[in-house]
Amino acid sequence: METKVLTAHVPLPLAQKVDQLASRLERSRGWIVKQALTAWIDQEEERRRLTLEALADVDSGNVVDHQAVQAWADSLDSDEPISLPR
């Protein structure tokens, strides 16, 4: 696999945490940064997928009325909470 060097200025406390983690795991700084960047990109891709899915639901009218959600949330503190709105 081809690679590319990326350079970033990070706050000193963050760099120190990377160094500490690398030492504790007996891994290189580069390995730690690669793992963190991969996890962050995966998280952001999932966030985008879920956002697009939610927007498609809205476009198709698959939504729950705000007042129904508020009534449900308010009922959670009662002795007889109402069922989840659909």
N, C-alpha and C. Protein backbone atom coordinates (compact mmCIF):
# COMPACT_ATOMS: atom_id res chain seq x y z
N MET A 1 0.84 -1.17 0.00
CA MET A 1 0.00 0.00 0.00
C MET A 1 0.89 1.24 0.00
N GLU A 2 0.57 2.18 -0.87
CA GLU A 2 1.31 3.44 -0.88
C GLU A 2 0.91 4.26 0.34
N THR A 3 1.83 5.07 0.79
CA THR A 3 1.54 5.94 1.93
C THR A 3 1.92 7.37 1.59
N LYS A 4 1.45 8.29 2.40
CA LYS A 4 1.76 9.70 2.24
C LYS A 4 2.01 10.28 3.62
N VAL A 5 3.02 11.07 3.74
CA VAL A 5 3.34 11.70 5.01
C VAL A 5 2.46 12.93 5.17
N LEU A 6 1.80 13.01 6.33
CA LEU A 6 0.99 14.19 6.69
C LEU A 6 1.66 14.85 7.89
N THR A 7 1.67 16.15 7.89
CA THR A 7 2.27 16.89 8.99
C THR A 7 1.20 17.74 9.65
N ALA A 8 1.17 17.74 10.97
CA ALA A 8 0.18 18.54 11.69
C ALA A 8 0.82 19.10 12.96
N HIS A 9 0.49 20.32 13.25
CA HIS A 9 0.91 20.91 14.52
C HIS A 9 -0.18 20.61 15.53
N VAL A 10 0.21 19.98 16.63
CA VAL A 10 -0.75 19.64 17.68
C VAL A 10 -0.31 20.29 18.98
N PRO A 11 -1.25 20.57 19.86
CA PRO A 11 -0.88 21.13 21.16
C PRO A 11 0.06 20.19 21.91
N LEU A 12 0.98 20.74 22.63
CA LEU A 12 1.97 19.95 23.36
C LEU A 12 1.33 18.90 24.27
N PRO A 13 0.27 19.22 25.03
CA PRO A 13 -0.34 18.18 25.87
C PRO A 13 -0.85 16.98 25.05
N LEU A 14 -1.38 17.23 23.88
CA LEU A 14 -1.84 16.13 23.03
C LEU A 14 -0.66 15.30 22.54
N ALA A 15 0.41 15.96 22.15
CA ALA A 15 1.62 15.25 21.70
C ALA A 15 2.18 14.39 22.84
N GLN A 16 2.14 14.93 24.04
CA GLN A 16 2.63 14.16 25.19
C GLN A 16 1.76 12.93 25.44
N LYS A 17 0.46 13.07 25.28
CA LYS A 17 -0.43 11.91 25.44
C LYS A 17 -0.14 10.85 24.38
N VAL A 18 0.10 11.29 23.15
CA VAL A 18 0.45 10.34 22.09
C VAL A 18 1.73 9.61 22.46
N ASP A 19 2.72 10.35 22.92
CA ASP A 19 3.99 9.73 23.32
C ASP A 19 3.79 8.73 24.46
N GLN A 20 2.99 9.11 25.45
CA GLN A 20 2.74 8.22 26.59
C GLN A 20 2.04 6.95 26.14
N LEU A 21 1.04 7.10 25.29
CA LEU A 21 0.30 5.95 24.79
C LEU A 21 1.20 5.04 23.95
N ALA A 22 2.02 5.65 23.11
CA ALA A 22 2.94 4.87 22.29
C ALA A 22 3.90 4.07 23.17
N SER A 23 4.39 4.69 24.21
CA SER A 23 5.30 4.00 25.13
C SER A 23 4.59 2.86 25.84
N ARG A 24 3.40 3.14 26.35
CA ARG A 24 2.65 2.13 27.10
C ARG A 24 2.29 0.93 26.22
N LEU A 25 1.92 1.20 24.96
CA LEU A 25 1.53 0.13 24.04
C LEU A 25 2.70 -0.46 23.27
N GLU A 26 3.87 0.12 23.48
CA GLU A 26 5.07 -0.28 22.75
C GLU A 26 4.84 -0.22 21.24
N ARG A 27 4.29 0.90 20.82
CA ARG A 27 4.02 1.17 19.40
C ARG A 27 4.64 2.51 19.05
N SER A 28 4.76 2.76 17.76
CA SER A 28 5.33 4.04 17.33
C SER A 28 4.27 5.14 17.41
N ARG A 29 4.76 6.38 17.43
CA ARG A 29 3.85 7.52 17.37
C ARG A 29 2.99 7.45 16.12
N GLY A 30 3.62 7.11 15.00
CA GLY A 30 2.90 7.02 13.74
C GLY A 30 1.77 6.03 13.80
N TRP A 31 1.99 4.89 14.46
CA TRP A 31 0.95 3.88 14.59
C TRP A 31 -0.23 4.41 15.39
N ILE A 32 0.08 5.11 16.50
CA ILE A 32 -0.96 5.70 17.36
C ILE A 32 -1.78 6.71 16.56
N VAL A 33 -1.10 7.60 15.86
CA VAL A 33 -1.79 8.63 15.08
C VAL A 33 -2.63 8.00 13.97
N LYS A 34 -2.09 6.98 13.32
CA LYS A 34 -2.83 6.30 12.26
C LYS A 34 -4.11 5.66 12.82
N GLN A 35 -4.01 5.01 13.97
CA GLN A 35 -5.18 4.39 14.59
C GLN A 35 -6.22 5.44 14.96
N ALA A 36 -5.77 6.54 15.54
CA ALA A 36 -6.69 7.60 15.96
C ALA A 36 -7.36 8.24 14.75
N LEU A 37 -6.60 8.50 13.72
CA LEU A 37 -7.15 9.13 12.52
C LEU A 37 -8.14 8.20 11.83
N THR A 38 -7.81 6.92 11.77
CA THR A 38 -8.72 5.94 11.16
C THR A 38 -10.04 5.88 11.94
N ALA A 39 -9.96 5.84 13.26
CA ALA A 39 -11.16 5.78 14.09
C ALA A 39 -12.00 7.03 13.91
N TRP A 40 -11.36 8.20 13.87
CA TRP A 40 -12.09 9.46 13.71
C TRP A 40 -12.78 9.53 12.35
N ILE A 41 -12.07 9.12 11.30
CA ILE A 41 -12.67 9.14 9.96
C ILE A 41 -13.83 8.17 9.90
N ASP A 42 -13.69 6.98 10.47
CA ASP A 42 -14.80 6.02 10.51
C ASP A 42 -16.01 6.62 11.23
N GLN A 43 -15.77 7.30 12.34
CA GLN A 43 -16.85 7.93 13.11
C GLN A 43 -17.53 9.02 12.29
N GLU A 44 -16.76 9.84 11.62
CA GLU A 44 -17.34 10.91 10.81
C GLU A 44 -18.12 10.36 9.61
N GLU A 45 -17.62 9.29 9.01
CA GLU A 45 -18.35 8.67 7.90
C GLU A 45 -19.68 8.09 8.38
N GLU A 46 -19.66 7.48 9.56
CA GLU A 46 -20.91 6.94 10.12
C GLU A 46 -21.88 8.06 10.47
N ARG A 47 -21.36 9.16 11.02
CA ARG A 47 -22.21 10.31 11.34
C ARG A 47 -22.88 10.84 10.07
N ARG A 48 -22.11 10.92 9.00
CA ARG A 48 -22.68 11.41 7.73
C ARG A 48 -23.73 10.45 7.20
N ARG A 49 -23.45 9.13 7.28
CA ARG A 49 -24.41 8.13 6.82
C ARG A 49 -25.72 8.25 7.60
N LEU A 50 -25.62 8.38 8.92
CA LEU A 50 -26.81 8.50 9.75
C LEU A 50 -27.56 9.80 9.48
N THR A 51 -26.83 10.88 9.23
CA THR A 51 -27.46 12.15 8.91
C THR A 51 -28.23 12.05 7.60
N LEU A 52 -27.62 11.46 6.60
CA LEU A 52 -28.31 11.30 5.31
C LEU A 52 -29.53 10.40 5.44
N GLU A 53 -29.41 9.36 6.27
CA GLU A 53 -30.54 8.46 6.52
C GLU A 53 -31.68 9.23 7.20
N ALA A 54 -31.34 10.06 8.17
CA ALA A 54 -32.36 10.85 8.87
C ALA A 54 -33.01 11.86 7.93
N LEU A 55 -32.22 12.49 7.09
CA LEU A 55 -32.79 13.45 6.14
C LEU A 55 -33.72 12.76 5.15
N ALA A 56 -33.39 11.55 4.75
CA ALA A 56 -34.26 10.79 3.86
C ALA A 56 -35.58 10.47 4.56
N ASP A 57 -35.51 10.14 5.86
CA ASP A 57 -36.73 9.91 6.63
C ASP A 57 -37.61 11.16 6.66
N VAL A 58 -36.99 12.30 6.88
CA VAL A 58 -37.73 13.57 6.90
C VAL A 58 -38.36 13.82 5.54
N ASP A 59 -37.59 13.63 4.48
CA ASP A 59 -38.13 13.85 3.13
C ASP A 59 -39.31 12.93 2.83
N SER A 60 -39.30 11.73 3.40
CA SER A 60 -40.39 10.79 3.15
C SER A 60 -41.54 10.96 4.13
N GLY A 61 -41.43 11.93 5.04
CA GLY A 61 -42.50 12.20 5.99
C GLY A 61 -42.48 11.29 7.20
N ASN A 62 -41.42 10.53 7.38
CA ASN A 62 -41.30 9.63 8.51
C ASN A 62 -40.73 10.39 9.70
N VAL A 63 -41.59 11.18 10.34
CA VAL A 63 -41.18 12.02 11.46
C VAL A 63 -42.18 11.86 12.61
N VAL A 64 -41.78 12.29 13.79
CA VAL A 64 -42.65 12.26 14.96
C VAL A 64 -42.88 13.70 15.39
N ASP A 65 -44.11 14.03 15.65
CA ASP A 65 -44.51 15.38 16.06
C ASP A 65 -43.80 15.78 17.36
N HIS A 66 -43.32 17.00 17.41
CA HIS A 66 -42.59 17.48 18.58
C HIS A 66 -43.42 17.39 19.86
N GLN A 67 -44.68 17.76 19.78
CA GLN A 67 -45.53 17.72 20.97
C GLN A 67 -45.68 16.29 21.49
N ALA A 68 -45.72 15.31 20.57
CA ALA A 68 -45.83 13.91 21.00
C ALA A 68 -44.56 13.47 21.72
N VAL A 69 -43.42 13.89 21.22
CA VAL A 69 -42.15 13.54 21.88
C VAL A 69 -42.07 14.23 23.23
N GLN A 70 -42.47 15.49 23.29
CA GLN A 70 -42.43 16.23 24.56
C GLN A 70 -43.35 15.58 25.59
N ALA A 71 -44.56 15.19 25.17
CA ALA A 71 -45.49 14.53 26.09
C ALA A 71 -44.90 13.21 26.59
N TRP A 72 -44.28 12.45 25.70
CA TRP A 72 -43.64 11.19 26.10
C TRP A 72 -42.52 11.46 27.11
N ALA A 73 -41.66 12.43 26.80
CA ALA A 73 -40.54 12.74 27.69
C ALA A 73 -41.04 13.20 29.05
N ASP A 74 -42.06 14.03 29.06
CA ASP A 74 -42.63 14.51 30.32
C ASP A 74 -43.22 13.37 31.13
N SER A 75 -43.76 12.35 30.46
CA SER A 75 -44.40 11.25 31.17
C SER A 75 -43.40 10.28 31.81
N LEU A 76 -42.14 10.38 31.44
CA LEU A 76 -41.15 9.44 31.97
C LEU A 76 -40.96 9.56 33.47
N ASP A 77 -41.25 10.74 34.02
CA ASP A 77 -41.13 10.94 35.46
C ASP A 77 -42.39 10.53 36.21
N SER A 78 -43.43 10.15 35.50
CA SER A 78 -44.70 9.81 36.15
C SER A 78 -44.74 8.33 36.51
N ASP A 79 -45.78 7.97 37.25
CA ASP A 79 -45.97 6.57 37.61
C ASP A 79 -46.42 5.73 36.44
N GLU A 80 -47.01 6.38 35.43
CA GLU A 80 -47.51 5.67 34.25
C GLU A 80 -47.03 6.36 32.97
N PRO A 81 -45.76 6.11 32.59
CA PRO A 81 -45.27 6.75 31.36
C PRO A 81 -46.02 6.25 30.14
N ILE A 82 -46.23 7.15 29.19
CA ILE A 82 -46.91 6.76 27.95
C ILE A 82 -45.92 6.04 27.04
N SER A 83 -46.45 5.34 26.07
CA SER A 83 -45.58 4.59 25.17
C SER A 83 -44.85 5.54 24.22
N LEU A 84 -43.75 5.07 23.72
CA LEU A 84 -42.91 5.83 22.79
C LEU A 84 -43.71 6.22 21.57
N PRO A 85 -43.71 7.50 21.20
CA PRO A 85 -44.47 7.92 20.01
C PRO A 85 -43.86 7.35 18.74
N ARG A 86 -44.71 7.11 17.75
CA ARG A 86 -44.24 6.58 16.47
C ARG A 86 -44.70 7.46 15.35
